[in-house]
Amino acid sequence: MPVNAFAVLAEPARRRILDELRVSDRSVGELVAALTISQPAVSKHLKVLREAGFVSSRIAAQHRIYHVEPAQFAAIDEWLAPYRLLWTKHLDRLARHLDTTE
């Protein structure tokens, strides 16, 4: 069953985790400290993000270090591209309309 990326990203705590990982790779402990979320909750959200392909991890000594995987975001960006184009067209029309009413 394919992952619904929007369902995964709908959870605010997961978006906060991704925001932290966007800045730099982090361990679970570092994420817990930065987000003031319990360790079990962070681990649960990381598991969902990992299974959905948004993050991956590597082992460093006794820690698992997480980082963002851009491929899933590229897929979302690709899906959004036609909508972005649609909005651009509408905004261009609005700008032209506003220019003619002045």
C-alpha atoms as a PDB file:
ATOM      1  CA  MET A   1       0.000   0.000   0.000  1.00  0.00           C
ATOM      2  CA  PRO A   2       1.542   3.337  -1.019  1.00  0.00           C
ATOM      3  CA  VAL A   3       2.231   5.864   1.699  1.00  0.00           C
ATOM      4  CA  ASN A   4      -0.003   8.909   1.824  1.00  0.00           C
ATOM      5  CA  ALA A   5       2.650  11.582   2.256  1.00  0.00           C
ATOM      6  CA  PHE A   6       0.103  14.207   3.195  1.00  0.00           C
ATOM      7  CA  ALA A   7      -1.286  12.023   6.000  1.00  0.00           C
ATOM      8  CA  VAL A   8       2.238  11.515   7.340  1.00  0.00           C
ATOM      9  CA  LEU A   9       2.983  15.245   7.200  1.00  0.00           C
ATOM     10  CA  ALA A  10      -0.378  16.234   8.696  1.00  0.00           C
ATOM     11  CA  GLU A  11       0.947  15.503  12.184  1.00  0.00           C
ATOM     12  CA  PRO A  12       2.460  18.739  13.625  1.00  0.00           C
ATOM     13  CA  ALA A  13       5.081  16.889  15.687  1.00  0.00           C
ATOM     14  CA  ARG A  14       6.403  15.175  12.551  1.00  0.00           C
ATOM     15  CA  ARG A  15       6.676  18.521  10.765  1.00  0.00           C
ATOM     16  CA  ARG A  16       8.581  19.915  13.755  1.00  0.00           C
ATOM     17  CA  ILE A  17      10.946  16.932  13.643  1.00  0.00           C
ATOM     18  CA  LEU A  18      11.519  17.496   9.925  1.00  0.00           C
ATOM     19  CA  ASP A  19      12.170  21.194  10.569  1.00  0.00           C
ATOM     20  CA  GLU A  20      14.871  20.258  13.075  1.00  0.00           C
ATOM     21  CA  LEU A  21      16.396  17.684  10.726  1.00  0.00           C
ATOM     22  CA  ARG A  22      16.363  20.181   7.871  1.00  0.00           C
ATOM     23  CA  VAL A  23      18.866  22.251   9.845  1.00  0.00           C
ATOM     24  CA  SER A  24      21.140  19.325  10.745  1.00  0.00           C
ATOM     25  CA  ASP A  25      21.202  15.595  11.354  1.00  0.00           C
ATOM     26  CA  ARG A  26      20.155  14.757  14.898  1.00  0.00           C
ATOM     27  CA  SER A  27      19.944  11.889  17.346  1.00  0.00           C
ATOM     28  CA  VAL A  28      16.710  11.022  19.123  1.00  0.00           C
ATOM     29  CA  GLY A  29      18.050  12.615  22.307  1.00  0.00           C
ATOM     30  CA  GLU A  30      18.852  15.860  20.508  1.00  0.00           C
ATOM     31  CA  LEU A  31      15.357  15.922  18.992  1.00  0.00           C
ATOM     32  CA  VAL A  32      13.783  15.298  22.409  1.00  0.00           C
ATOM     33  CA  ALA A  33      15.743  18.215  23.885  1.00  0.00           C
ATOM     34  CA  ALA A  34      14.987  20.564  20.987  1.00  0.00           C
ATOM     35  CA  LEU A  35      11.290  19.789  20.757  1.00  0.00           C
ATOM     36  CA  THR A  36      10.412  19.078  24.392  1.00  0.00           C
ATOM     37  CA  ILE A  37       8.518  15.968  23.302  1.00  0.00           C
ATOM     38  CA  SER A  38       8.917  12.674  25.152  1.00  0.00           C
ATOM     39  CA  GLN A  39      11.455  10.175  23.855  1.00  0.00           C
ATOM     40  CA  PRO A  40       8.805   7.517  23.111  1.00  0.00           C
ATOM     41  CA  ALA A  41       6.762  10.045  21.110  1.00  0.00           C
ATOM     42  CA  VAL A  42       9.803  11.191  19.110  1.00  0.00           C
ATOM     43  CA  SER A  43      10.733   7.569  18.411  1.00  0.00           C
ATOM     44  CA  LYS A  44       7.177   6.777  17.288  1.00  0.00           C
ATOM     45  CA  HIS A  45       7.098   9.753  14.915  1.00  0.00           C
ATOM     46  CA  LEU A  46      10.566   8.938  13.564  1.00  0.00           C
ATOM     47  CA  LYS A  47       9.412   5.397  12.819  1.00  0.00           C
ATOM     48  CA  VAL A  48       6.471   6.737  10.792  1.00  0.00           C
ATOM     49  CA  LEU A  49       8.723   9.208   8.966  1.00  0.00           C
ATOM     50  CA  ARG A  50      11.310   6.487   8.284  1.00  0.00           C
ATOM     51  CA  GLU A  51       8.730   4.010   6.968  1.00  0.00           C
ATOM     52  CA  ALA A  52       7.305   6.747   4.721  1.00  0.00           C
ATOM     53  CA  GLY A  53      10.774   7.515   3.336  1.00  0.00           C
ATOM     54  CA  PHE A  54      11.048  11.058   4.719  1.00  0.00           C
ATOM     55  CA  VAL A  55      14.011  10.273   6.978  1.00  0.00           C
ATOM     56  CA  SER A  56      16.702   7.651   7.244  1.00  0.00           C
ATOM     57  CA  SER A  57      19.213   6.885   9.947  1.00  0.00           C
ATOM     58  CA  ARG A  58      22.748   5.736  10.481  1.00  0.00           C
ATOM     59  CA  ILE A  59      24.459   4.316  13.542  1.00  0.00           C
ATOM     60  CA  ALA A  60      27.125   6.443  15.222  1.00  0.00           C
ATOM     61  CA  ALA A  61      28.556   4.742  18.315  1.00  0.00           C
ATOM     62  CA  GLN A  62      25.514   4.085  20.514  1.00  0.00           C
ATOM     63  CA  HIS A  63      23.265   6.590  18.766  1.00  0.00           C
ATOM     64  CA  ARG A  64      21.040   6.465  15.748  1.00  0.00           C
ATOM     65  CA  ILE A  65      21.452   9.693  13.765  1.00  0.00           C
ATOM     66  CA  TYR A  66      18.508  10.769  11.591  1.00  0.00           C
ATOM     67  CA  HIS A  67      18.545  12.903   8.485  1.00  0.00           C
ATOM     68  CA  VAL A  68      16.030  14.077   5.886  1.00  0.00           C
ATOM     69  CA  GLU A  69      15.669  12.134   2.655  1.00  0.00           C
ATOM     70  CA  PRO A  70      14.822  14.594  -0.130  1.00  0.00           C
ATOM     71  CA  ALA A  71      13.296  12.043  -2.543  1.00  0.00           C
ATOM     72  CA  GLN A  72       9.861  12.043  -0.880  1.00  0.00           C
ATOM     73  CA  PHE A  73       9.809  15.837  -0.894  1.00  0.00           C
ATOM     74  CA  ALA A  74      10.718  15.843  -4.576  1.00  0.00           C
ATOM     75  CA  ALA A  75       7.734  13.577  -5.249  1.00  0.00           C
ATOM     76  CA  ILE A  76       5.443  15.970  -3.370  1.00  0.00           C
ATOM     77  CA  ASP A  77       6.930  18.918  -5.244  1.00  0.00           C
ATOM     78  CA  GLU A  78       6.321  17.125  -8.542  1.00  0.00           C
ATOM     79  CA  TRP A  79       2.699  16.466  -7.585  1.00  0.00           C
ATOM     80  CA  LEU A  80       2.223  20.128  -6.582  1.00  0.00           C
ATOM     81  CA  ALA A  81       3.788  21.547  -9.769  1.00  0.00           C
ATOM     82  CA  PRO A  82       0.550  21.755 -11.805  1.00  0.00           C
ATOM     83  CA  TYR A  83      -1.224  23.469  -8.905  1.00  0.00           C
ATOM     84  CA  ARG A  84       1.632  25.942  -8.540  1.00  0.00           C
ATOM     85  CA  LEU A  85       1.310  26.707 -12.256  1.00  0.00           C
ATOM     86  CA  LEU A  86      -2.440  27.179 -11.849  1.00  0.00           C
ATOM     87  CA  TRP A  87      -1.951  29.659  -9.023  1.00  0.00           C
ATOM     88  CA  THR A  88       0.739  31.490 -10.951  1.00  0.00           C
ATOM     89  CA  LYS A  89      -1.655  31.964 -13.854  1.00  0.00           C
ATOM     90  CA  HIS A  90      -4.382  33.257 -11.528  1.00  0.00           C
ATOM     91  CA  LEU A  91      -2.012  35.626  -9.769  1.00  0.00           C
ATOM     92  CA  ASP A  92      -0.720  36.920 -13.112  1.00  0.00           C
ATOM     93  CA  ARG A  93      -4.309  37.606 -14.210  1.00  0.00           C
ATOM     94  CA  LEU A  94      -5.010  39.381 -10.936  1.00  0.00           C
ATOM     95  CA  ALA A  95      -1.896  41.524 -11.354  1.00  0.00           C
ATOM     96  CA  ARG A  96      -2.945  42.459 -14.899  1.00  0.00           C
ATOM     97  CA  HIS A  97      -6.450  43.291 -13.680  1.00  0.00           C
ATOM     98  CA  LEU A  98      -5.123  45.453 -10.864  1.00  0.00           C
ATOM     99  CA  ASP A  99      -2.790  47.218 -13.279  1.00  0.00           C
ATOM    100  CA  THR A 100      -5.717  48.118 -15.574  1.00  0.00           C
ATOM    101  CA  THR A 101      -7.918  49.405 -12.753  1.00  0.00           C
ATOM    102  CA  GLU A 102      -5.389  51.951 -11.518  1.00  0.00           C
END
